Amino acid sequence: MKTADLTAKAAELLKKDAVIITAAEYKKGILERAQLYFWSEGPVMDIVSKDDLVQNWPETGVYAFDGKGFHTVAMFEGAEDMFFRVDGTRTEEDDLGALPSVLFMETVEGICGLK
């Protein structure tokens, strides 16, 4: 897909109150932090914990953006925790696909802010 097409798809999802995850950090297969976007009078970026995402899960959907497309994120209850996956399996481990780390994205944003 072209940049304009991906941007238009992101706008469509966000304006439907969906959330788009653009980066994730894991520890032993469990999501620790996620960088995500949501709509609030325009696109807003935030970095949240797994618990924040579980507690504020939008009914309108969550998508992981891997640079090629948007993948539906499923949340399901395991034996001791909630889990997020994009591959359709119920493996009790979080997997949002090939996303960069939150640290990487924070560093890129820091570089963009250099003067």
PDB file of N, CA and C in Angstrom:
ATOM      1  N   MET A   1       0.839  -1.191   0.000  1.00  0.00           N
ATOM      2  CA  MET A   1       0.000   0.000   0.000  1.00  0.00           C
ATOM      3  C   MET A   1       0.879   1.248   0.000  1.00  0.00           C
ATOM      4  N   LYS A   2       0.328   2.306  -0.494  1.00  0.00           N
ATOM      5  CA  LYS A   2       1.022   3.585  -0.507  1.00  0.00           C
ATOM      6  C   LYS A   2       0.791   4.313   0.812  1.00  0.00           C
ATOM      7  N   THR A   3       1.686   5.246   1.108  1.00  0.00           N
ATOM      8  CA  THR A   3       1.574   6.039   2.333  1.00  0.00           C
ATOM      9  C   THR A   3       0.208   6.704   2.445  1.00  0.00           C
ATOM     10  N   ALA A   4      -0.256   7.306   1.369  1.00  0.00           N
ATOM     11  CA  ALA A   4      -1.555   7.995   1.401  1.00  0.00           C
ATOM     12  C   ALA A   4      -2.686   7.023   1.721  1.00  0.00           C
ATOM     13  N   ASP A   5      -2.623   5.808   1.181  1.00  0.00           N
ATOM     14  CA  ASP A   5      -3.652   4.805   1.452  1.00  0.00           C
ATOM     15  C   ASP A   5      -3.621   4.370   2.918  1.00  0.00           C
ATOM     16  N   LEU A   6      -2.418   4.157   3.446  1.00  0.00           N
ATOM     17  CA  LEU A   6      -2.291   3.748   4.852  1.00  0.00           C
ATOM     18  C   LEU A   6      -2.751   4.862   5.790  1.00  0.00           C
ATOM     19  N   THR A   7      -2.412   6.093   5.444  1.00  0.00           N
ATOM     20  CA  THR A   7      -2.831   7.232   6.258  1.00  0.00           C
ATOM     21  C   THR A   7      -4.350   7.377   6.235  1.00  0.00           C
ATOM     22  N   ALA A   8      -4.957   7.200   5.079  1.00  0.00           N
ATOM     23  CA  ALA A   8      -6.416   7.277   4.971  1.00  0.00           C
ATOM     24  C   ALA A   8      -7.081   6.174   5.787  1.00  0.00           C
ATOM     25  N   LYS A   9      -6.526   4.971   5.754  1.00  0.00           N
ATOM     26  CA  LYS A   9      -7.066   3.859   6.541  1.00  0.00           C
ATOM     27  C   LYS A   9      -6.933   4.159   8.027  1.00  0.00           C
ATOM     28  N   ALA A  10      -5.795   4.706   8.449  1.00  0.00           N
ATOM     29  CA  ALA A  10      -5.600   5.069   9.855  1.00  0.00           C
ATOM     30  C   ALA A  10      -6.648   6.101  10.274  1.00  0.00           C
ATOM     31  N   ALA A  11      -6.875   7.107   9.454  1.00  0.00           N
ATOM     32  CA  ALA A  11      -7.872   8.136   9.770  1.00  0.00           C
ATOM     33  C   ALA A  11      -9.252   7.520   9.906  1.00  0.00           C
ATOM     34  N   GLU A  12      -9.590   6.613   9.000  1.00  0.00           N
ATOM     35  CA  GLU A  12     -10.892   5.943   9.046  1.00  0.00           C
ATOM     36  C   GLU A  12     -11.062   5.172  10.361  1.00  0.00           C
ATOM     37  N   LEU A  13     -10.057   4.412  10.753  1.00  0.00           N
ATOM     38  CA  LEU A  13     -10.131   3.635  11.994  1.00  0.00           C
ATOM     39  C   LEU A  13     -10.217   4.535  13.215  1.00  0.00           C
ATOM     40  N   LEU A  14      -9.360   5.550  13.255  1.00  0.00           N
ATOM     41  CA  LEU A  14      -9.335   6.441  14.419  1.00  0.00           C
ATOM     42  C   LEU A  14     -10.646   7.203  14.578  1.00  0.00           C
ATOM     43  N   LYS A  15     -11.229   7.645  13.468  1.00  0.00           N
ATOM     44  CA  LYS A  15     -12.480   8.396  13.543  1.00  0.00           C
ATOM     45  C   LYS A  15     -13.657   7.517  13.941  1.00  0.00           C
ATOM     46  N   LYS A  16     -13.478   6.192  13.883  1.00  0.00           N
ATOM     47  CA  LYS A  16     -14.484   5.246  14.383  1.00  0.00           C
ATOM     48  C   LYS A  16     -14.200   4.878  15.835  1.00  0.00           C
ATOM     49  N   ASP A  17     -13.280   5.613  16.460  1.00  0.00           N
ATOM     50  CA  ASP A  17     -12.876   5.424  17.864  1.00  0.00           C
ATOM     51  C   ASP A  17     -12.101   4.136  18.109  1.00  0.00           C
ATOM     52  N   ALA A  18     -11.485   3.599  17.067  1.00  0.00           N
ATOM     53  CA  ALA A  18     -10.587   2.460  17.252  1.00  0.00           C
ATOM     54  C   ALA A  18      -9.234   2.986  17.743  1.00  0.00           C
ATOM     55  N   VAL A  19      -8.403   2.088  18.222  1.00  0.00           N
ATOM     56  CA  VAL A  19      -7.062   2.406  18.691  1.00  0.00           C
ATOM     57  C   VAL A  19      -6.076   1.721  17.752  1.00  0.00           C
ATOM     58  N   ILE A  20      -4.970   2.409  17.457  1.00  0.00           N
ATOM     59  CA  ILE A  20      -3.923   1.839  16.607  1.00  0.00           C
ATOM     60  C   ILE A  20      -2.630   1.762  17.419  1.00  0.00           C
ATOM     61  N   ILE A  21      -2.116   0.551  17.579  1.00  0.00           N
ATOM     62  CA  ILE A  21      -0.842   0.338  18.284  1.00  0.00           C
ATOM     63  C   ILE A  21       0.276   0.386  17.250  1.00  0.00           C
ATOM     64  N   THR A  22       1.301   1.201  17.527  1.00  0.00           N
ATOM     65  CA  THR A  22       2.398   1.380  16.583  1.00  0.00           C
ATOM     66  C   THR A  22       3.747   0.882  17.109  1.00  0.00           C
ATOM     67  N   ALA A  23       3.833   0.564  18.395  1.00  0.00           N
ATOM     68  CA  ALA A  23       5.081   0.051  18.976  1.00  0.00           C
ATOM     69  C   ALA A  23       4.728  -0.728  20.237  1.00  0.00           C
ATOM     70  N   ALA A  24       5.578  -1.698  20.575  1.00  0.00           N
ATOM     71  CA  ALA A  24       5.310  -2.534  21.755  1.00  0.00           C
ATOM     72  C   ALA A  24       6.616  -2.999  22.376  1.00  0.00           C
ATOM     73  N   GLU A  25       6.594  -3.138  23.686  1.00  0.00           N
ATOM     74  CA  GLU A  25       7.730  -3.709  24.418  1.00  0.00           C
ATOM     75  C   GLU A  25       7.233  -4.868  25.261  1.00  0.00           C
ATOM     76  N   TYR A  26       7.996  -5.946  25.226  1.00  0.00           N
ATOM     77  CA  TYR A  26       7.634  -7.183  25.924  1.00  0.00           C
ATOM     78  C   TYR A  26       8.718  -7.568  26.911  1.00  0.00           C
ATOM     79  N   LYS A  27       8.310  -8.286  27.931  1.00  0.00           N
ATOM     80  CA  LYS A  27       9.249  -8.924  28.853  1.00  0.00           C
ATOM     81  C   LYS A  27       8.766 -10.352  29.031  1.00  0.00           C
ATOM     82  N   LYS A  28       9.576 -11.304  28.587  1.00  0.00           N
ATOM     83  CA  LYS A  28       9.230 -12.729  28.659  1.00  0.00           C
ATOM     84  C   LYS A  28       7.874 -13.016  28.016  1.00  0.00           C
ATOM     85  N   GLY A  29       7.626 -12.390  26.860  1.00  0.00           N
ATOM     86  CA  GLY A  29       6.405 -12.647  26.108  1.00  0.00           C
ATOM     87  C   GLY A  29       5.172 -11.909  26.584  1.00  0.00           C
ATOM     88  N   ILE A  30       5.328 -11.039  27.578  1.00  0.00           N
ATOM     89  CA  ILE A  30       4.197 -10.286  28.119  1.00  0.00           C
ATOM     90  C   ILE A  30       4.394  -8.806  27.793  1.00  0.00           C
ATOM     91  N   LEU A  31       3.366  -8.191  27.232  1.00  0.00           N
ATOM     92  CA  LEU A  31       3.421  -6.783  26.887  1.00  0.00           C
ATOM     93  C   LEU A  31       3.641  -5.942  28.137  1.00  0.00           C
ATOM     94  N   GLU A  32       4.620  -5.040  28.075  1.00  0.00           N
ATOM     95  CA  GLU A  32       4.847  -4.109  29.173  1.00  0.00           C
ATOM     96  C   GLU A  32       4.313  -2.718  28.846  1.00  0.00           C
ATOM     97  N   ARG A  33       4.688  -2.218  27.651  1.00  0.00           N
ATOM     98  CA  ARG A  33       4.245  -0.889  27.225  1.00  0.00           C
ATOM     99  C   ARG A  33       3.873  -0.934  25.753  1.00  0.00           C
ATOM    100  N   ALA A  34       2.920  -0.103  25.389  1.00  0.00           N
ATOM    101  CA  ALA A  34       2.534   0.034  23.992  1.00  0.00           C
ATOM    102  C   ALA A  34       2.391   1.510  23.658  1.00  0.00           C
ATOM    103  N   GLN A  35       2.861   1.866  22.471  1.00  0.00           N
ATOM    104  CA  GLN A  35       2.612   3.204  21.958  1.00  0.00           C
ATOM    105  C   GLN A  35       1.387   3.080  21.075  1.00  0.00           C
ATOM    106  N   LEU A  36       0.416   3.951  21.304  1.00  0.00           N
ATOM    107  CA  LEU A  36      -0.808   3.851  20.524  1.00  0.00           C
ATOM    108  C   LEU A  36      -1.362   5.222  20.190  1.00  0.00           C
ATOM    109  N   TYR A  37      -2.266   5.204  19.230  1.00  0.00           N
ATOM    110  CA  TYR A  37      -2.966   6.412  18.794  1.00  0.00           C
ATOM    111  C   TYR A  37      -4.455   6.202  18.959  1.00  0.00           C
ATOM    112  N   PHE A  38      -5.144   7.281  19.337  1.00  0.00           N
ATOM    113  CA  PHE A  38      -6.598   7.298  19.415  1.00  0.00           C
ATOM    114  C   PHE A  38      -7.070   8.678  18.976  1.00  0.00           C
ATOM    115  N   TRP A  39      -8.362   8.826  18.776  1.00  0.00           N
ATOM    116  CA  TRP A  39      -8.922  10.086  18.284  1.00  0.00           C
ATOM    117  C   TRP A  39      -9.559  10.859  19.420  1.00  0.00           C
ATOM    118  N   SER A  40      -9.185  12.125  19.552  1.00  0.00           N
ATOM    119  CA  SER A  40      -9.786  13.037  20.514  1.00  0.00           C
ATOM    120  C   SER A  40      -9.631  14.441  19.942  1.00  0.00           C
ATOM    121  N   GLU A  41     -10.579  14.850  19.108  1.00  0.00           N
ATOM    122  CA  GLU A  41     -10.497  16.117  18.378  1.00  0.00           C
ATOM    123  C   GLU A  41      -9.250  16.150  17.500  1.00  0.00           C
ATOM    124  N   GLY A  42      -8.798  14.998  17.077  1.00  0.00           N
ATOM    125  CA  GLY A  42      -7.601  14.823  16.273  1.00  0.00           C
ATOM    126  C   GLY A  42      -6.835  13.629  16.821  1.00  0.00           C
ATOM    127  N   PRO A  43      -5.809  13.181  16.103  1.00  0.00           N
ATOM    128  CA  PRO A  43      -5.052  12.021  16.563  1.00  0.00           C
ATOM    129  C   PRO A  43      -4.190  12.358  17.775  1.00  0.00           C
ATOM    130  N   VAL A  44      -4.210  11.464  18.751  1.00  0.00           N
ATOM    131  CA  VAL A  44      -3.436  11.634  19.985  1.00  0.00           C
ATOM    132  C   VAL A  44      -2.592  10.383  20.181  1.00  0.00           C
ATOM    133  N   MET A  45      -1.308  10.588  20.514  1.00  0.00           N
ATOM    134  CA  MET A  45      -0.418   9.472  20.805  1.00  0.00           C
ATOM    135  C   MET A  45      -0.229   9.368  22.308  1.00  0.00           C
ATOM    136  N   ASP A  46      -0.176   8.138  22.799  1.00  0.00           N
ATOM    137  CA  ASP A  46       0.073   7.905  24.219  1.00  0.00           C
ATOM    138  C   ASP A  46       0.866   6.617  24.355  1.00  0.00           C
ATOM    139  N   ILE A  47       1.577   6.499  25.445  1.00  0.00           N
ATOM    140  CA  ILE A  47       2.275   5.263  25.788  1.00  0.00           C
ATOM    141  C   ILE A  47       1.601   4.729  27.039  1.00  0.00           C
ATOM    142  N   VAL A  48       1.117   3.487  26.957  1.00  0.00           N
ATOM    143  CA  VAL A  48       0.327   2.921  28.049  1.00  0.00           C
ATOM    144  C   VAL A  48       0.880   1.561  28.460  1.00  0.00           C
ATOM    145  N   SER A  49       0.513   1.165  29.670  1.00  0.00           N
ATOM    146  CA  SER A  49       0.864  -0.164  30.167  1.00  0.00           C
ATOM    147  C   SER A  49      -0.164  -1.175  29.657  1.00  0.00           C
ATOM    148  N   LYS A  50       0.160  -2.435  29.804  1.00  0.00           N
ATOM    149  CA  LYS A  50      -0.785  -3.488  29.422  1.00  0.00           C
ATOM    150  C   LYS A  50      -2.072  -3.343  30.224  1.00  0.00           C
ATOM    151  N   ASP A  51      -1.964  -3.096  31.529  1.00  0.00           N
ATOM    152  CA  ASP A  51      -3.160  -2.943  32.367  1.00  0.00           C
ATOM    153  C   ASP A  51      -4.044  -1.800  31.878  1.00  0.00           C
ATOM    154  N   ASP A  52      -3.425  -0.678  31.484  1.00  0.00           N
ATOM    155  CA  ASP A  52      -4.206   0.450  30.955  1.00  0.00           C
ATOM    156  C   ASP A  52      -4.975   0.036  29.701  1.00  0.00           C
ATOM    157  N   LEU A  53      -4.313  -0.723  28.841  1.00  0.00           N
ATOM    158  CA  LEU A  53      -4.974  -1.155  27.606  1.00  0.00           C
ATOM    159  C   LEU A  53      -6.129  -2.112  27.914  1.00  0.00           C
ATOM    160  N   VAL A  54      -5.916  -3.037  28.832  1.00  0.00           N
ATOM    161  CA  VAL A  54      -6.981  -3.976  29.213  1.00  0.00           C
ATOM    162  C   VAL A  54      -8.174  -3.210  29.784  1.00  0.00           C
ATOM    163  N   GLN A  55      -7.913  -2.275  30.693  1.00  0.00           N
ATOM    164  CA  GLN A  55      -8.988  -1.550  31.366  1.00  0.00           C
ATOM    165  C   GLN A  55      -9.726  -0.580  30.448  1.00  0.00           C
ATOM    166  N   ASN A  56      -9.047  -0.117  29.402  1.00  0.00           N
ATOM    167  CA  ASN A  56      -9.657   0.869  28.506  1.00  0.00           C
ATOM    168  C   ASN A  56      -9.852   0.315  27.100  1.00  0.00           C
ATOM    169  N   TRP A  57     -10.057  -0.992  27.001  1.00  0.00           N
ATOM    170  CA  TRP A  57     -10.223  -1.655  25.709  1.00  0.00           C
ATOM    171  C   TRP A  57     -11.453  -1.096  24.998  1.00  0.00           C
ATOM    172  N   PRO A  58     -11.284  -0.518  23.805  1.00  0.00           N
ATOM    173  CA  PRO A  58     -12.436   0.055  23.112  1.00  0.00           C
ATOM    174  C   PRO A  58     -13.253  -1.014  22.392  1.00  0.00           C
ATOM    175  N   GLU A  59     -14.542  -0.906  22.486  1.00  0.00           N
ATOM    176  CA  GLU A  59     -15.441  -1.831  21.795  1.00  0.00           C
ATOM    177  C   GLU A  59     -15.314  -1.704  20.280  1.00  0.00           C
ATOM    178  N   THR A  60     -14.802  -0.562  19.824  1.00  0.00           N
ATOM    179  CA  THR A  60     -14.705  -0.298  18.390  1.00  0.00           C
ATOM    180  C   THR A  60     -13.476  -0.920  17.749  1.00  0.00           C
ATOM    181  N   GLY A  61     -12.591  -1.514  18.539  1.00  0.00           N
ATOM    182  CA  GLY A  61     -11.476  -2.268  17.991  1.00  0.00           C
ATOM    183  C   GLY A  61     -10.104  -1.700  18.265  1.00  0.00           C
ATOM    184  N   VAL A  62      -9.138  -2.602  18.227  1.00  0.00           N
ATOM    185  CA  VAL A  62      -7.724  -2.256  18.379  1.00  0.00           C
ATOM    186  C   VAL A  62      -6.993  -2.902  17.205  1.00  0.00           C
ATOM    187  N   TYR A  63      -6.085  -2.138  16.613  1.00  0.00           N
ATOM    188  CA  TYR A  63      -5.330  -2.604  15.463  1.00  0.00           C
ATOM    189  C   TYR A  63      -3.846  -2.376  15.697  1.00  0.00           C
ATOM    190  N   ALA A  64      -3.018  -3.281  15.208  1.00  0.00           N
ATOM    191  CA  ALA A  64      -1.567  -3.116  15.236  1.00  0.00           C
ATOM    192  C   ALA A  64      -1.131  -2.721  13.832  1.00  0.00           C
ATOM    193  N   PHE A  65      -0.360  -1.648  13.742  1.00  0.00           N
ATOM    194  CA  PHE A  65       0.154  -1.191  12.448  1.00  0.00           C
ATOM    195  C   PHE A  65       1.623  -1.544  12.352  1.00  0.00           C
ATOM    196  N   ASP A  66       1.959  -2.410  11.396  1.00  0.00           N
ATOM    197  CA  ASP A  66       3.334  -2.902  11.253  1.00  0.00           C
ATOM    198  C   ASP A  66       4.087  -2.273  10.092  1.00  0.00           C
ATOM    199  N   GLY A  67       3.584  -1.192   9.541  1.00  0.00           N
ATOM    200  CA  GLY A  67       4.232  -0.536   8.415  1.00  0.00           C
ATOM    201  C   GLY A  67       3.720  -1.019   7.074  1.00  0.00           C
ATOM    202  N   LYS A  68       3.022  -2.136   7.068  1.00  0.00           N
ATOM    203  CA  LYS A  68       2.475  -2.693   5.824  1.00  0.00           C
ATOM    204  C   LYS A  68       0.953  -2.678   5.827  1.00  0.00           C
ATOM    205  N   GLY A  69       0.369  -2.772   7.007  1.00  0.00           N
ATOM    206  CA  GLY A  69      -1.078  -2.814   7.106  1.00  0.00           C
ATOM    207  C   GLY A  69      -1.529  -2.814   8.559  1.00  0.00           C
ATOM    208  N   PHE A  70      -2.839  -2.878   8.736  1.00  0.00           N
ATOM    209  CA  PHE A  70      -3.460  -2.850  10.055  1.00  0.00           C
ATOM    210  C   PHE A  70      -3.999  -4.241  10.365  1.00  0.00           C
ATOM    211  N   HIS A  71      -3.610  -4.769  11.506  1.00  0.00           N
ATOM    212  CA  HIS A  71      -3.990  -6.119  11.895  1.00  0.00           C
ATOM    213  C   HIS A  71      -4.855  -6.052  13.152  1.00  0.00           C
ATOM    214  N   THR A  72      -5.988  -6.715  13.119  1.00  0.00           N
ATOM    215  CA  THR A  72      -6.901  -6.719  14.259  1.00  0.00           C
ATOM    216  C   THR A  72      -6.246  -7.401  15.449  1.00  0.00           C
ATOM    217  N   VAL A  73      -6.299  -6.732  16.583  1.00  0.00           N
ATOM    218  CA  VAL A  73      -5.757  -7.287  17.824  1.00  0.00           C
ATOM    219  C   VAL A  73      -6.916  -7.909  18.596  1.00  0.00           C
ATOM    220  N   ALA A  74      -6.750  -9.168  18.950  1.00  0.00           N
ATOM    221  CA  ALA A  74      -7.748  -9.857  19.768  1.00  0.00           C
ATOM    222  C   ALA A  74      -7.259  -9.894  21.208  1.00  0.00           C
ATOM    223  N   MET A  75      -8.164  -9.666  22.136  1.00  0.00           N
ATOM    224  CA  MET A  75      -7.847  -9.805  23.558  1.00  0.00           C
ATOM    225  C   MET A  75      -8.634 -11.003  24.071  1.00  0.00           C
ATOM    226  N   PHE A  76      -7.956 -11.876  24.823  1.00  0.00           N
ATOM    227  CA  PHE A  76      -8.654 -13.023  25.396  1.00  0.00           C
ATOM    228  C   PHE A  76      -8.106 -13.314  26.785  1.00  0.00           C
ATOM    229  N   GLU A  77      -8.930 -14.001  27.572  1.00  0.00           N
ATOM    230  CA  GLU A  77      -8.557 -14.329  28.944  1.00  0.00           C
ATOM    231  C   GLU A  77      -7.870 -15.683  28.983  1.00  0.00           C
ATOM    232  N   GLY A  78      -6.679 -15.680  29.572  1.00  0.00           N
ATOM    233  CA  GLY A  78      -5.938 -16.922  29.789  1.00  0.00           C
ATOM    234  C   GLY A  78      -6.170 -17.410  31.209  1.00  0.00           C
ATOM    235  N   ALA A  79      -5.372 -18.345  31.642  1.00  0.00           N
ATOM    236  CA  ALA A  79      -5.516 -18.918  32.977  1.00  0.00           C
ATOM    237  C   ALA A  79      -5.278 -17.886  34.075  1.00  0.00           C
ATOM    238  N   GLU A  80      -4.308 -16.961  33.848  1.00  0.00           N
ATOM    239  CA  GLU A  80      -3.973 -15.998  34.901  1.00  0.00           C
ATOM    240  C   GLU A  80      -3.915 -14.555  34.433  1.00  0.00           C
ATOM    241  N   ASP A  81      -4.133 -14.299  33.167  1.00  0.00           N
ATOM    242  CA  ASP A  81      -3.961 -12.940  32.650  1.00  0.00           C
ATOM    243  C   ASP A  81      -4.777 -12.792  31.359  1.00  0.00           C
ATOM    244  N   MET A  82      -4.878 -11.552  30.909  1.00  0.00           N
ATOM    245  CA  MET A  82      -5.448 -11.259  29.600  1.00  0.00           C
ATOM    246  C   MET A  82      -4.288 -11.206  28.618  1.00  0.00           C
ATOM    247  N   PHE A  83      -4.550 -11.605  27.364  1.00  0.00           N
ATOM    248  CA  PHE A  83      -3.506 -11.622  26.358  1.00  0.00           C
ATOM    249  C   PHE A  83      -3.986 -10.960  25.080  1.00  0.00           C
ATOM    250  N   PHE A  84      -3.017 -10.415  24.319  1.00  0.00           N
ATOM    251  CA  PHE A  84      -3.281  -9.756  23.048  1.00  0.00           C
ATOM    252  C   PHE A  84      -2.542 -10.504  21.949  1.00  0.00           C
ATOM    253  N   ARG A  85      -3.242 -10.774  20.833  1.00  0.00           N
ATOM    254  CA  ARG A  85      -2.604 -11.451  19.712  1.00  0.00           C
ATOM    255  C   ARG A  85      -3.199 -10.962  18.396  1.00  0.00           C
ATOM    256  N   VAL A  86      -2.372 -10.995  17.351  1.00  0.00           N
ATOM    257  CA  VAL A  86      -2.844 -10.633  16.012  1.00  0.00           C
ATOM    258  C   VAL A  86      -2.878 -11.837  15.083  1.00  0.00           C
ATOM    259  N   ASP A  87      -2.424 -12.992  15.533  1.00  0.00           N
ATOM    260  CA  ASP A  87      -2.318 -14.153  14.645  1.00  0.00           C
ATOM    261  C   ASP A  87      -3.482 -15.130  14.738  1.00  0.00           C
ATOM    262  N   GLY A  88      -4.482 -14.797  15.531  1.00  0.00           N
ATOM    263  CA  GLY A  88      -5.662 -15.656  15.628  1.00  0.00           C
ATOM    264  C   GLY A  88      -5.520 -16.851  16.555  1.00  0.00           C
ATOM    265  N   THR A  89      -4.345 -17.033  17.165  1.00  0.00           N
ATOM    266  CA  THR A  89      -4.167 -18.151  18.095  1.00  0.00           C
ATOM    267  C   THR A  89      -4.543 -17.728  19.509  1.00  0.00           C
ATOM    268  N   ARG A  90      -4.582 -18.690  20.412  1.00  0.00           N
ATOM    269  CA  ARG A  90      -4.895 -18.404  21.822  1.00  0.00           C
ATOM    270  C   ARG A  90      -3.705 -18.783  22.699  1.00  0.00           C
ATOM    271  N   THR A  91      -2.502 -18.659  22.155  1.00  0.00           N
ATOM    272  CA  THR A  91      -1.290 -18.891  22.932  1.00  0.00           C
ATOM    273  C   THR A  91      -1.219 -17.850  24.044  1.00  0.00           C
ATOM    274  N   GLU A  92      -0.949 -18.280  25.267  1.00  0.00           N
ATOM    275  CA  GLU A  92      -0.941 -17.364  26.407  1.00  0.00           C
ATOM    276  C   GLU A  92       0.367 -16.588  26.483  1.00  0.00           C
ATOM    277  N   GLU A  93       0.511 -15.727  25.487  1.00  0.00           N
ATOM    278  CA  GLU A  93       1.653 -14.839  25.348  1.00  0.00           C
ATOM    279  C   GLU A  93       1.193 -13.712  24.439  1.00  0.00           C
ATOM    280  N   ASP A  94       1.604 -12.492  24.726  1.00  0.00           N
ATOM    281  CA  ASP A  94       1.214 -11.364  23.884  1.00  0.00           C
ATOM    282  C   ASP A  94       2.044 -11.354  22.601  1.00  0.00           C
ATOM    283  N   ASP A  95       1.399 -11.069  21.472  1.00  0.00           N
ATOM    284  CA  ASP A  95       2.085 -10.961  20.189  1.00  0.00           C
ATOM    285  C   ASP A  95       1.309 -10.004  19.298  1.00  0.00           C
ATOM    286  N   LEU A  96       1.875  -8.813  19.117  1.00  0.00           N
ATOM    287  CA  LEU A  96       1.239  -7.800  18.281  1.00  0.00           C
ATOM    288  C   LEU A  96       1.887  -7.688  16.915  1.00  0.00           C
ATOM    289  N   GLY A  97       2.694  -8.671  16.552  1.00  0.00           N
ATOM    290  CA  GLY A  97       3.332  -8.665  15.242  1.00  0.00           C
ATOM    291  C   GLY A  97       4.669  -7.949  15.264  1.00  0.00           C
ATOM    292  N   ALA A  98       5.143  -7.632  14.078  1.00  0.00           N
ATOM    293  CA  ALA A  98       6.473  -7.038  13.904  1.00  0.00           C
ATOM    294  C   ALA A  98       6.434  -5.524  14.105  1.00  0.00           C
ATOM    295  N   LEU A  99       6.313  -5.112  15.357  1.00  0.00           N
ATOM    296  CA  LEU A  99       6.286  -3.687  15.684  1.00  0.00           C
ATOM    297  C   LEU A  99       7.633  -3.265  16.268  1.00  0.00           C
ATOM    298  N   PRO A 100       8.034  -2.010  16.055  1.00  0.00           N
ATOM    299  CA  PRO A 100       9.249  -1.528  16.715  1.00  0.00           C
ATOM    300  C   PRO A 100       9.010  -1.407  18.214  1.00  0.00           C
ATOM    301  N   SER A 101      10.096  -1.256  18.960  1.00  0.00           N
ATOM    302  CA  SER A 101       9.954  -1.084  20.408  1.00  0.00           C
ATOM    303  C   SER A 101       9.516   0.342  20.727  1.00  0.00           C
ATOM    304  N   VAL A 102       8.919   0.514  21.882  1.00  0.00           N
ATOM    305  CA  VAL A 102       8.510   1.844  22.334  1.00  0.00           C
ATOM    306  C   VAL A 102       9.754   2.709  22.504  1.00  0.00           C
ATOM    307  N   LEU A 103      10.830   2.145  23.025  1.00  0.00           N
ATOM    308  CA  LEU A 103      12.078   2.886  23.188  1.00  0.00           C
ATOM    309  C   LEU A 103      12.567   3.430  21.848  1.00  0.00           C
ATOM    310  N   PHE A 104      12.507   2.609  20.807  1.00  0.00           N
ATOM    311  CA  PHE A 104      12.907   3.052  19.469  1.00  0.00           C
ATOM    312  C   PHE A 104      12.075   4.257  19.040  1.00  0.00           C
ATOM    313  N   MET A 105      10.760   4.160  19.186  1.00  0.00           N
ATOM    314  CA  MET A 105       9.883   5.245  18.753  1.00  0.00           C
ATOM    315  C   MET A 105      10.097   6.505  19.600  1.00  0.00           C
ATOM    316  N   GLU A 106      10.312   6.354  20.904  1.00  0.00           N
ATOM    317  CA  GLU A 106      10.595   7.512  21.755  1.00  0.00           C
ATOM    318  C   GLU A 106      11.882   8.200  21.311  1.00  0.00           C
ATOM    319  N   THR A 107      12.883   7.417  20.930  1.00  0.00           N
ATOM    320  CA  THR A 107      14.147   7.972  20.471  1.00  0.00           C
ATOM    321  C   THR A 107      13.973   8.705  19.149  1.00  0.00           C
ATOM    322  N   VAL A 108      13.219   8.123  18.224  1.00  0.00           N
ATOM    323  CA  VAL A 108      12.946   8.790  16.942  1.00  0.00           C
ATOM    324  C   VAL A 108      12.247  10.128  17.185  1.00  0.00           C
ATOM    325  N   GLU A 109      11.266  10.135  18.072  1.00  0.00           N
ATOM    326  CA  GLU A 109      10.568  11.381  18.378  1.00  0.00           C
ATOM    327  C   GLU A 109      11.503  12.389  19.013  1.00  0.00           C
ATOM    328  N   GLY A 110      12.429  11.915  19.862  1.00  0.00           N
ATOM    329  CA  GLY A 110      13.422  12.803  20.459  1.00  0.00           C
ATOM    330  C   GLY A 110      14.329  13.432  19.400  1.00  0.00           C
ATOM    331  N   ILE A 111      14.726  12.609  18.426  1.00  0.00           N
ATOM    332  CA  ILE A 111      15.569  13.121  17.334  1.00  0.00           C
ATOM    333  C   ILE A 111      14.813  14.191  16.545  1.00  0.00           C
ATOM    334  N   CYS A 112      13.523  13.937  16.293  1.00  0.00           N
ATOM    335  CA  CYS A 112      12.707  14.914  15.544  1.00  0.00           C
ATOM    336  C   CYS A 112      12.584  16.235  16.282  1.00  0.00           C
ATOM    337  N   GLY A 113      12.684  16.193  17.602  1.00  0.00           N
ATOM    338  CA  GLY A 113      12.556  17.387  18.402  1.00  0.00           C
ATOM    339  C   GLY A 113      13.850  18.149  18.639  1.00  0.00           C
ATOM    340  N   LEU A 114      14.979  17.630  18.136  1.00  0.00           N
ATOM    341  CA  LEU A 114      16.258  18.302  18.328  1.00  0.00           C
ATOM    342  C   LEU A 114      16.269  19.654  17.630  1.00  0.00           C
ATOM    343  N   LYS A 115      16.932  20.606  18.258  1.00  0.00           N
ATOM    344  CA  LYS A 115      17.056  21.946  17.650  1.00  0.00           C
ATOM    345  C   LYS A 115      18.502  22.347  17.652  1.00  0.00           C
TER     346      LYS A 115
END
